[in-house]
Amino acid sequence: MHTYKCKWFLEELNEYLDDTADAELRQRIEQHIHECPNCWVVFDSTKKTLAVYKGMEAQNVPADVEQRLLKVLQQKLKPNHDEIR
């Protein structure tokens, strides 16, 4: 069972995908994804998702949508006076 290794893998995956992991960590992650089909799927899906995201052009948010979003966020961030009492 790979449960411990899988948890470790998930904790270290960002460093690997960001290319900030040292050589030893990269080797350990690569060994794990070769041994664990579930983590290989997570790795492959995440890597492909990042590639799609990075290839997208930035989109402007329409002004009316931005205003509605800001209004909702302000409401959510307001302190609830009932909770303060």
PDB file of N, CA and C in Angstrom:
ATOM      1  N   MET A   1       0.847  -1.189   0.000  1.00  0.00           N
ATOM      2  CA  MET A   1       0.000   0.000   0.000  1.00  0.00           C
ATOM      3  C   MET A   1       0.887   1.244   0.000  1.00  0.00           C
ATOM      4  N   HIS A   2       0.516   2.201  -0.821  1.00  0.00           N
ATOM      5  CA  HIS A   2       1.324   3.400  -1.019  1.00  0.00           C
ATOM      6  C   HIS A   2       0.805   4.614  -0.250  1.00  0.00           C
ATOM      7  N   THR A   3      -0.137   4.448   0.659  1.00  0.00           N
ATOM      8  CA  THR A   3      -0.823   5.579   1.271  1.00  0.00           C
ATOM      9  C   THR A   3       0.133   6.655   1.776  1.00  0.00           C
ATOM     10  N   TYR A   4       1.126   6.288   2.558  1.00  0.00           N
ATOM     11  CA  TYR A   4       2.078   7.276   3.073  1.00  0.00           C
ATOM     12  C   TYR A   4       2.816   7.958   1.930  1.00  0.00           C
ATOM     13  N   LYS A   5       3.312   7.161   0.992  1.00  0.00           N
ATOM     14  CA  LYS A   5       4.043   7.715  -0.144  1.00  0.00           C
ATOM     15  C   LYS A   5       3.151   8.610  -0.984  1.00  0.00           C
ATOM     16  N   CYS A   6       1.887   8.243  -1.133  1.00  0.00           N
ATOM     17  CA  CYS A   6       0.959   9.046  -1.935  1.00  0.00           C
ATOM     18  C   CYS A   6       0.721  10.403  -1.281  1.00  0.00           C
ATOM     19  N   LYS A   7       0.563  10.417   0.019  1.00  0.00           N
ATOM     20  CA  LYS A   7       0.386  11.686   0.732  1.00  0.00           C
ATOM     21  C   LYS A   7       1.628  12.550   0.558  1.00  0.00           C
ATOM     22  N   TRP A   8       2.791  11.953   0.719  1.00  0.00           N
ATOM     23  CA  TRP A   8       4.053  12.669   0.523  1.00  0.00           C
ATOM     24  C   TRP A   8       4.127  13.215  -0.904  1.00  0.00           C
ATOM     25  N   PHE A   9       3.779  12.370  -1.876  1.00  0.00           N
ATOM     26  CA  PHE A   9       3.801  12.770  -3.280  1.00  0.00           C
ATOM     27  C   PHE A   9       2.951  14.008  -3.508  1.00  0.00           C
ATOM     28  N   LEU A  10       1.728  14.007  -2.985  1.00  0.00           N
ATOM     29  CA  LEU A  10       0.825  15.145  -3.173  1.00  0.00           C
ATOM     30  C   LEU A  10       1.382  16.420  -2.547  1.00  0.00           C
ATOM     31  N   GLU A  11       2.069  16.264  -1.422  1.00  0.00           N
ATOM     32  CA  GLU A  11       2.671  17.430  -0.765  1.00  0.00           C
ATOM     33  C   GLU A  11       3.827  18.008  -1.572  1.00  0.00           C
ATOM     34  N   GLU A  12       4.528  17.166  -2.327  1.00  0.00           N
ATOM     35  CA  GLU A  12       5.718  17.606  -3.063  1.00  0.00           C
ATOM     36  C   GLU A  12       5.459  17.889  -4.549  1.00  0.00           C
ATOM     37  N   LEU A  13       4.276  17.581  -5.025  1.00  0.00           N
ATOM     38  CA  LEU A  13       3.984  17.687  -6.462  1.00  0.00           C
ATOM     39  C   LEU A  13       4.180  19.107  -7.002  1.00  0.00           C
ATOM     40  N   ASN A  14       3.784  20.119  -6.253  1.00  0.00           N
ATOM     41  CA  ASN A  14       3.939  21.500  -6.733  1.00  0.00           C
ATOM     42  C   ASN A  14       5.390  21.837  -7.030  1.00  0.00           C
ATOM     43  N   GLU A  15       6.278  21.455  -6.117  1.00  0.00           N
ATOM     44  CA  GLU A  15       7.697  21.739  -6.343  1.00  0.00           C
ATOM     45  C   GLU A  15       8.183  21.070  -7.628  1.00  0.00           C
ATOM     46  N   TYR A  16       7.746  19.848  -7.843  1.00  0.00           N
ATOM     47  CA  TYR A  16       8.153  19.119  -9.039  1.00  0.00           C
ATOM     48  C   TYR A  16       7.644  19.830 -10.295  1.00  0.00           C
ATOM     49  N   LEU A  17       6.359  20.163 -10.304  1.00  0.00           N
ATOM     50  CA  LEU A  17       5.763  20.787 -11.488  1.00  0.00           C
ATOM     51  C   LEU A  17       6.257  22.213 -11.706  1.00  0.00           C
ATOM     52  N   ASP A  18       6.613  22.903 -10.616  1.00  0.00           N
ATOM     53  CA  ASP A  18       7.171  24.257 -10.730  1.00  0.00           C
ATOM     54  C   ASP A  18       8.648  24.235 -11.091  1.00  0.00           C
ATOM     55  N   ASP A  19       9.217  23.040 -11.155  1.00  0.00           N
ATOM     56  CA  ASP A  19      10.630  22.844 -11.467  1.00  0.00           C
ATOM     57  C   ASP A  19      11.545  23.490 -10.430  1.00  0.00           C
ATOM     58  N   THR A  20      11.111  23.425  -9.161  1.00  0.00           N
ATOM     59  CA  THR A  20      11.936  23.951  -8.075  1.00  0.00           C
ATOM     60  C   THR A  20      12.469  22.832  -7.178  1.00  0.00           C
ATOM     61  N   ALA A  21      12.087  21.602  -7.485  1.00  0.00           N
ATOM     62  CA  ALA A  21      12.550  20.458  -6.689  1.00  0.00           C
ATOM     63  C   ALA A  21      13.995  20.138  -7.041  1.00  0.00           C
ATOM     64  N   ASP A  22      14.760  19.746  -6.023  1.00  0.00           N
ATOM     65  CA  ASP A  22      16.149  19.354  -6.291  1.00  0.00           C
ATOM     66  C   ASP A  22      16.162  17.986  -6.978  1.00  0.00           C
ATOM     67  N   ALA A  23      17.318  17.586  -7.449  1.00  0.00           N
ATOM     68  CA  ALA A  23      17.448  16.357  -8.240  1.00  0.00           C
ATOM     69  C   ALA A  23      16.996  15.121  -7.464  1.00  0.00           C
ATOM     70  N   GLU A  24      17.314  15.054  -6.175  1.00  0.00           N
ATOM     71  CA  GLU A  24      16.929  13.891  -5.371  1.00  0.00           C
ATOM     72  C   GLU A  24      15.400  13.799  -5.246  1.00  0.00           C
ATOM     73  N   LEU A  25      14.764  14.926  -4.979  1.00  0.00           N
ATOM     74  CA  LEU A  25      13.312  14.931  -4.862  1.00  0.00           C
ATOM     75  C   LEU A  25      12.658  14.572  -6.192  1.00  0.00           C
ATOM     76  N   ARG A  26      13.180  15.104  -7.280  1.00  0.00           N
ATOM     77  CA  ARG A  26      12.638  14.783  -8.612  1.00  0.00           C
ATOM     78  C   ARG A  26      12.719  13.276  -8.865  1.00  0.00           C
ATOM     79  N   GLN A  27      13.849  12.685  -8.508  1.00  0.00           N
ATOM     80  CA  GLN A  27      14.040  11.256  -8.728  1.00  0.00           C
ATOM     81  C   GLN A  27      13.051  10.440  -7.892  1.00  0.00           C
ATOM     82  N   ARG A  28      12.850  10.825  -6.640  1.00  0.00           N
ATOM     83  CA  ARG A  28      11.905  10.107  -5.768  1.00  0.00           C
ATOM     84  C   ARG A  28      10.478  10.219  -6.294  1.00  0.00           C
ATOM     85  N   ILE A  29      10.098  11.402  -6.762  1.00  0.00           N
ATOM     86  CA  ILE A  29       8.745  11.586  -7.308  1.00  0.00           C
ATOM     87  C   ILE A  29       8.575  10.753  -8.569  1.00  0.00           C
ATOM     88  N   GLU A  30       9.551  10.795  -9.462  1.00  0.00           N
ATOM     89  CA  GLU A  30       9.466  10.022 -10.702  1.00  0.00           C
ATOM     90  C   GLU A  30       9.385   8.523 -10.407  1.00  0.00           C
ATOM     91  N   GLN A  31      10.130   8.063  -9.420  1.00  0.00           N
ATOM     92  CA  GLN A  31      10.064   6.647  -9.051  1.00  0.00           C
ATOM     93  C   GLN A  31       8.656   6.312  -8.544  1.00  0.00           C
ATOM     94  N   HIS A  32       8.101   7.193  -7.728  1.00  0.00           N
ATOM     95  CA  HIS A  32       6.769   6.919  -7.174  1.00  0.00           C
ATOM     96  C   HIS A  32       5.703   6.887  -8.273  1.00  0.00           C
ATOM     97  N   ILE A  33       5.743   7.822  -9.200  1.00  0.00           N
ATOM     98  CA  ILE A  33       4.694   7.815 -10.240  1.00  0.00           C
ATOM     99  C   ILE A  33       4.840   6.622 -11.182  1.00  0.00           C
ATOM    100  N   HIS A  34       6.025   6.052 -11.260  1.00  0.00           N
ATOM    101  CA  HIS A  34       6.193   4.835 -12.053  1.00  0.00           C
ATOM    102  C   HIS A  34       5.657   3.606 -11.317  1.00  0.00           C
ATOM    103  N   GLU A  35       5.618   3.676  -9.999  1.00  0.00           N
ATOM    104  CA  GLU A  35       5.151   2.548  -9.194  1.00  0.00           C
ATOM    105  C   GLU A  35       3.668   2.642  -8.826  1.00  0.00           C
ATOM    106  N   CYS A  36       3.107   3.828  -8.855  1.00  0.00           N
ATOM    107  CA  CYS A  36       1.745   4.043  -8.353  1.00  0.00           C
ATOM    108  C   CYS A  36       0.853   4.604  -9.459  1.00  0.00           C
ATOM    109  N   PRO A  37      -0.034   3.795 -10.018  1.00  0.00           N
ATOM    110  CA  PRO A  37      -0.881   4.260 -11.115  1.00  0.00           C
ATOM    111  C   PRO A  37      -1.804   5.413 -10.724  1.00  0.00           C
ATOM    112  N   ASN A  38      -2.283   5.431  -9.485  1.00  0.00           N
ATOM    113  CA  ASN A  38      -3.169   6.524  -9.071  1.00  0.00           C
ATOM    114  C   ASN A  38      -2.439   7.863  -9.057  1.00  0.00           C
ATOM    115  N   CYS A  39      -1.242   7.877  -8.527  1.00  0.00           N
ATOM    116  CA  CYS A  39      -0.476   9.124  -8.496  1.00  0.00           C
ATOM    117  C   CYS A  39      -0.015   9.522  -9.893  1.00  0.00           C
ATOM    118  N   TRP A  40       0.217   8.550 -10.758  1.00  0.00           N
ATOM    119  CA  TRP A  40       0.567   8.879 -12.136  1.00  0.00           C
ATOM    120  C   TRP A  40      -0.589   9.621 -12.796  1.00  0.00           C
ATOM    121  N   VAL A  41      -1.819   9.190 -12.544  1.00  0.00           N
ATOM    122  CA  VAL A  41      -2.996   9.870 -13.119  1.00  0.00           C
ATOM    123  C   VAL A  41      -3.085  11.295 -12.582  1.00  0.00           C
ATOM    124  N   VAL A  42      -2.881  11.468 -11.281  1.00  0.00           N
ATOM    125  CA  VAL A  42      -2.909  12.818 -10.692  1.00  0.00           C
ATOM    126  C   VAL A  42      -1.825  13.681 -11.326  1.00  0.00           C
ATOM    127  N   PHE A  43      -0.636  13.145 -11.414  1.00  0.00           N
ATOM    128  CA  PHE A  43       0.491  13.870 -12.011  1.00  0.00           C
ATOM    129  C   PHE A  43       0.193  14.256 -13.453  1.00  0.00           C
ATOM    130  N   ASP A  44      -0.229  13.292 -14.256  1.00  0.00           N
ATOM    131  CA  ASP A  44      -0.477  13.532 -15.673  1.00  0.00           C
ATOM    132  C   ASP A  44      -1.599  14.539 -15.883  1.00  0.00           C
ATOM    133  N   SER A  45      -2.678  14.402 -15.144  1.00  0.00           N
ATOM    134  CA  SER A  45      -3.820  15.320 -15.273  1.00  0.00           C
ATOM    135  C   SER A  45      -3.437  16.736 -14.863  1.00  0.00           C
ATOM    136  N   THR A  46      -2.710  16.848 -13.770  1.00  0.00           N
ATOM    137  CA  THR A  46      -2.301  18.170 -13.290  1.00  0.00           C
ATOM    138  C   THR A  46      -1.345  18.823 -14.278  1.00  0.00           C
ATOM    139  N   LYS A  47      -0.413  18.053 -14.773  1.00  0.00           N
ATOM    140  CA  LYS A  47       0.561  18.578 -15.747  1.00  0.00           C
ATOM    141  C   LYS A  47      -0.158  19.066 -17.012  1.00  0.00           C
ATOM    142  N   LYS A  48      -1.116  18.294 -17.505  1.00  0.00           N
ATOM    143  CA  LYS A  48      -1.863  18.689 -18.703  1.00  0.00           C
ATOM    144  C   LYS A  48      -2.737  19.916 -18.439  1.00  0.00           C
ATOM    145  N   THR A  49      -3.347  19.975 -17.278  1.00  0.00           N
ATOM    146  CA  THR A  49      -4.174  21.131 -16.925  1.00  0.00           C
ATOM    147  C   THR A  49      -3.333  22.396 -16.878  1.00  0.00           C
ATOM    148  N   LEU A  50      -2.154  22.308 -16.277  1.00  0.00           N
ATOM    149  CA  LEU A  50      -1.266  23.468 -16.224  1.00  0.00           C
ATOM    150  C   LEU A  50      -0.830  23.911 -17.618  1.00  0.00           C
ATOM    151  N   ALA A  51      -0.572  22.958 -18.501  1.00  0.00           N
ATOM    152  CA  ALA A  51      -0.161  23.290 -19.865  1.00  0.00           C
ATOM    153  C   ALA A  51      -1.283  24.030 -20.597  1.00  0.00           C
ATOM    154  N   VAL A  52      -2.509  23.583 -20.410  1.00  0.00           N
ATOM    155  CA  VAL A  52      -3.648  24.258 -21.041  1.00  0.00           C
ATOM    156  C   VAL A  52      -3.792  25.659 -20.468  1.00  0.00           C
ATOM    157  N   TYR A  53      -3.734  25.768 -19.154  1.00  0.00           N
ATOM    158  CA  TYR A  53      -3.896  27.060 -18.487  1.00  0.00           C
ATOM    159  C   TYR A  53      -2.818  28.046 -18.925  1.00  0.00           C
ATOM    160  N   LYS A  54      -1.575  27.595 -18.977  1.00  0.00           N
ATOM    161  CA  LYS A  54      -0.469  28.478 -19.363  1.00  0.00           C
ATOM    162  C   LYS A  54      -0.573  28.910 -20.812  1.00  0.00           C
ATOM    163  N   GLY A  55      -1.222  28.102 -21.646  1.00  0.00           N
ATOM    164  CA  GLY A  55      -1.358  28.430 -23.061  1.00  0.00           C
ATOM    165  C   GLY A  55      -2.510  29.371 -23.369  1.00  0.00           C
ATOM    166  N   MET A  56      -3.318  29.659 -22.360  1.00  0.00           N
ATOM    167  CA  MET A  56      -4.475  30.524 -22.584  1.00  0.00           C
ATOM    168  C   MET A  56      -4.074  31.993 -22.534  1.00  0.00           C
ATOM    169  N   GLU A  57      -4.785  32.788 -23.298  1.00  0.00           N
ATOM    170  CA  GLU A  57      -4.579  34.231 -23.233  1.00  0.00           C
ATOM    171  C   GLU A  57      -5.424  34.797 -22.105  1.00  0.00           C
ATOM    172  N   ALA A  58      -4.918  35.839 -21.485  1.00  0.00           N
ATOM    173  CA  ALA A  58      -5.673  36.485 -20.408  1.00  0.00           C
ATOM    174  C   ALA A  58      -6.957  37.072 -20.979  1.00  0.00           C
ATOM    175  N   GLN A  59      -8.011  36.951 -20.215  1.00  0.00           N
ATOM    176  CA  GLN A  59      -9.315  37.475 -20.628  1.00  0.00           C
ATOM    177  C   GLN A  59      -9.727  38.595 -19.681  1.00  0.00           C
ATOM    178  N   ASN A  60     -10.300  39.635 -20.262  1.00  0.00           N
ATOM    179  CA  ASN A  60     -10.818  40.727 -19.447  1.00  0.00           C
ATOM    180  C   ASN A  60     -12.189  40.353 -18.918  1.00  0.00           C
ATOM    181  N   VAL A  61     -12.430  40.721 -17.684  1.00  0.00           N
ATOM    182  CA  VAL A  61     -13.734  40.495 -17.076  1.00  0.00           C
ATOM    183  C   VAL A  61     -14.610  41.701 -17.421  1.00  0.00           C
ATOM    184  N   PRO A  62     -15.807  41.466 -17.966  1.00  0.00           N
ATOM    185  CA  PRO A  62     -16.695  42.600 -18.274  1.00  0.00           C
ATOM    186  C   PRO A  62     -16.954  43.436 -17.016  1.00  0.00           C
ATOM    187  N   ALA A  63     -17.055  44.742 -17.187  1.00  0.00           N
ATOM    188  CA  ALA A  63     -17.191  45.670 -16.056  1.00  0.00           C
ATOM    189  C   ALA A  63     -18.383  45.324 -15.172  1.00  0.00           C
ATOM    190  N   ASP A  64     -19.513  44.963 -15.766  1.00  0.00           N
ATOM    191  CA  ASP A  64     -20.694  44.660 -14.944  1.00  0.00           C
ATOM    192  C   ASP A  64     -20.472  43.398 -14.099  1.00  0.00           C
ATOM    193  N   VAL A  65     -19.789  42.424 -14.644  1.00  0.00           N
ATOM    194  CA  VAL A  65     -19.486  41.206 -13.900  1.00  0.00           C
ATOM    195  C   VAL A  65     -18.515  41.530 -12.761  1.00  0.00           C
ATOM    196  N   GLU A  66     -17.522  42.347 -13.044  1.00  0.00           N
ATOM    197  CA  GLU A  66     -16.552  42.734 -12.017  1.00  0.00           C
ATOM    198  C   GLU A  66     -17.247  43.450 -10.864  1.00  0.00           C
ATOM    199  N   GLN A  67     -18.160  44.368 -11.183  1.00  0.00           N
ATOM    200  CA  GLN A  67     -18.873  45.103 -10.142  1.00  0.00           C
ATOM    201  C   GLN A  67     -19.734  44.167  -9.286  1.00  0.00           C
ATOM    202  N   ARG A  68     -20.424  43.227  -9.924  1.00  0.00           N
ATOM    203  CA  ARG A  68     -21.256  42.275  -9.176  1.00  0.00           C
ATOM    204  C   ARG A  68     -20.396  41.395  -8.278  1.00  0.00           C
ATOM    205  N   LEU A  69     -19.267  40.960  -8.804  1.00  0.00           N
ATOM    206  CA  LEU A  69     -18.359  40.122  -8.027  1.00  0.00           C
ATOM    207  C   LEU A  69     -17.827  40.877  -6.814  1.00  0.00           C
ATOM    208  N   LEU A  70     -17.397  42.107  -7.016  1.00  0.00           N
ATOM    209  CA  LEU A  70     -16.885  42.908  -5.904  1.00  0.00           C
ATOM    210  C   LEU A  70     -17.959  43.134  -4.842  1.00  0.00           C
ATOM    211  N   LYS A  71     -19.196  43.373  -5.279  1.00  0.00           N
ATOM    212  CA  LYS A  71     -20.301  43.581  -4.343  1.00  0.00           C
ATOM    213  C   LYS A  71     -20.528  42.335  -3.482  1.00  0.00           C
ATOM    214  N   VAL A  72     -20.532  41.171  -4.115  1.00  0.00           N
ATOM    215  CA  VAL A  72     -20.723  39.913  -3.378  1.00  0.00           C
ATOM    216  C   VAL A  72     -19.564  39.684  -2.411  1.00  0.00           C
ATOM    217  N   LEU A  73     -18.342  39.930  -2.862  1.00  0.00           N
ATOM    218  CA  LEU A  73     -17.182  39.747  -1.987  1.00  0.00           C
ATOM    219  C   LEU A  73     -17.226  40.678  -0.789  1.00  0.00           C
ATOM    220  N   GLN A  74     -17.630  41.918  -1.021  1.00  0.00           N
ATOM    221  CA  GLN A  74     -17.732  42.867   0.089  1.00  0.00           C
ATOM    222  C   GLN A  74     -18.767  42.397   1.110  1.00  0.00           C
ATOM    223  N   GLN A  75     -19.881  41.869   0.628  1.00  0.00           N
ATOM    224  CA  GLN A  75     -20.911  41.356   1.534  1.00  0.00           C
ATOM    225  C   GLN A  75     -20.379  40.168   2.342  1.00  0.00           C
ATOM    226  N   LYS A  76     -19.656  39.294   1.681  1.00  0.00           N
ATOM    227  CA  LYS A  76     -19.124  38.101   2.350  1.00  0.00           C
ATOM    228  C   LYS A  76     -18.054  38.462   3.383  1.00  0.00           C
ATOM    229  N   LEU A  77     -17.316  39.530   3.108  1.00  0.00           N
ATOM    230  CA  LEU A  77     -16.222  39.911   3.993  1.00  0.00           C
ATOM    231  C   LEU A  77     -16.660  40.812   5.143  1.00  0.00           C
ATOM    232  N   LYS A  78     -17.880  41.341   5.078  1.00  0.00           N
ATOM    233  CA  LYS A  78     -18.397  42.177   6.159  1.00  0.00           C
ATOM    234  C   LYS A  78     -18.501  41.359   7.424  1.00  0.00           C
ATOM    235  N   PRO A  79     -18.092  41.937   8.537  1.00  0.00           N
ATOM    236  CA  PRO A  79     -18.255  41.188   9.794  1.00  0.00           C
ATOM    237  C   PRO A  79     -19.739  41.012  10.099  1.00  0.00           C
ATOM    238  N   ASN A  80     -20.073  39.851  10.586  1.00  0.00           N
ATOM    239  CA  ASN A  80     -21.450  39.560  10.964  1.00  0.00           C
ATOM    240  C   ASN A  80     -21.639  40.079  12.390  1.00  0.00           C
ATOM    241  N   HIS A  81     -22.500  41.084  12.548  1.00  0.00           N
ATOM    242  CA  HIS A  81     -22.676  41.706  13.857  1.00  0.00           C
ATOM    243  C   HIS A  81     -23.215  40.726  14.900  1.00  0.00           C
ATOM    244  N   ASP A  82     -23.950  39.712  14.472  1.00  0.00           N
ATOM    245  CA  ASP A  82     -24.440  38.717  15.408  1.00  0.00           C
ATOM    246  C   ASP A  82     -23.296  37.878  15.979  1.00  0.00           C
ATOM    247  N   GLU A  83     -22.254  37.655  15.167  1.00  0.00           N
ATOM    248  CA  GLU A  83     -21.119  36.866  15.614  1.00  0.00           C
ATOM    249  C   GLU A  83     -20.247  37.646  16.593  1.00  0.00           C
ATOM    250  N   ILE A  84     -20.248  38.971  16.485  1.00  0.00           N
ATOM    251  CA  ILE A  84     -19.413  39.817  17.332  1.00  0.00           C
ATOM    252  C   ILE A  84     -19.940  39.838  18.761  1.00  0.00           C
ATOM    253  N   ARG A  85     -21.242  39.758  18.932  1.00  0.00           N
ATOM    254  CA  ARG A  85     -21.852  39.843  20.266  1.00  0.00           C
ATOM    255  C   ARG A  85     -21.574  38.659  21.079  1.00  0.00           C
TER     256      ARG A  85
END
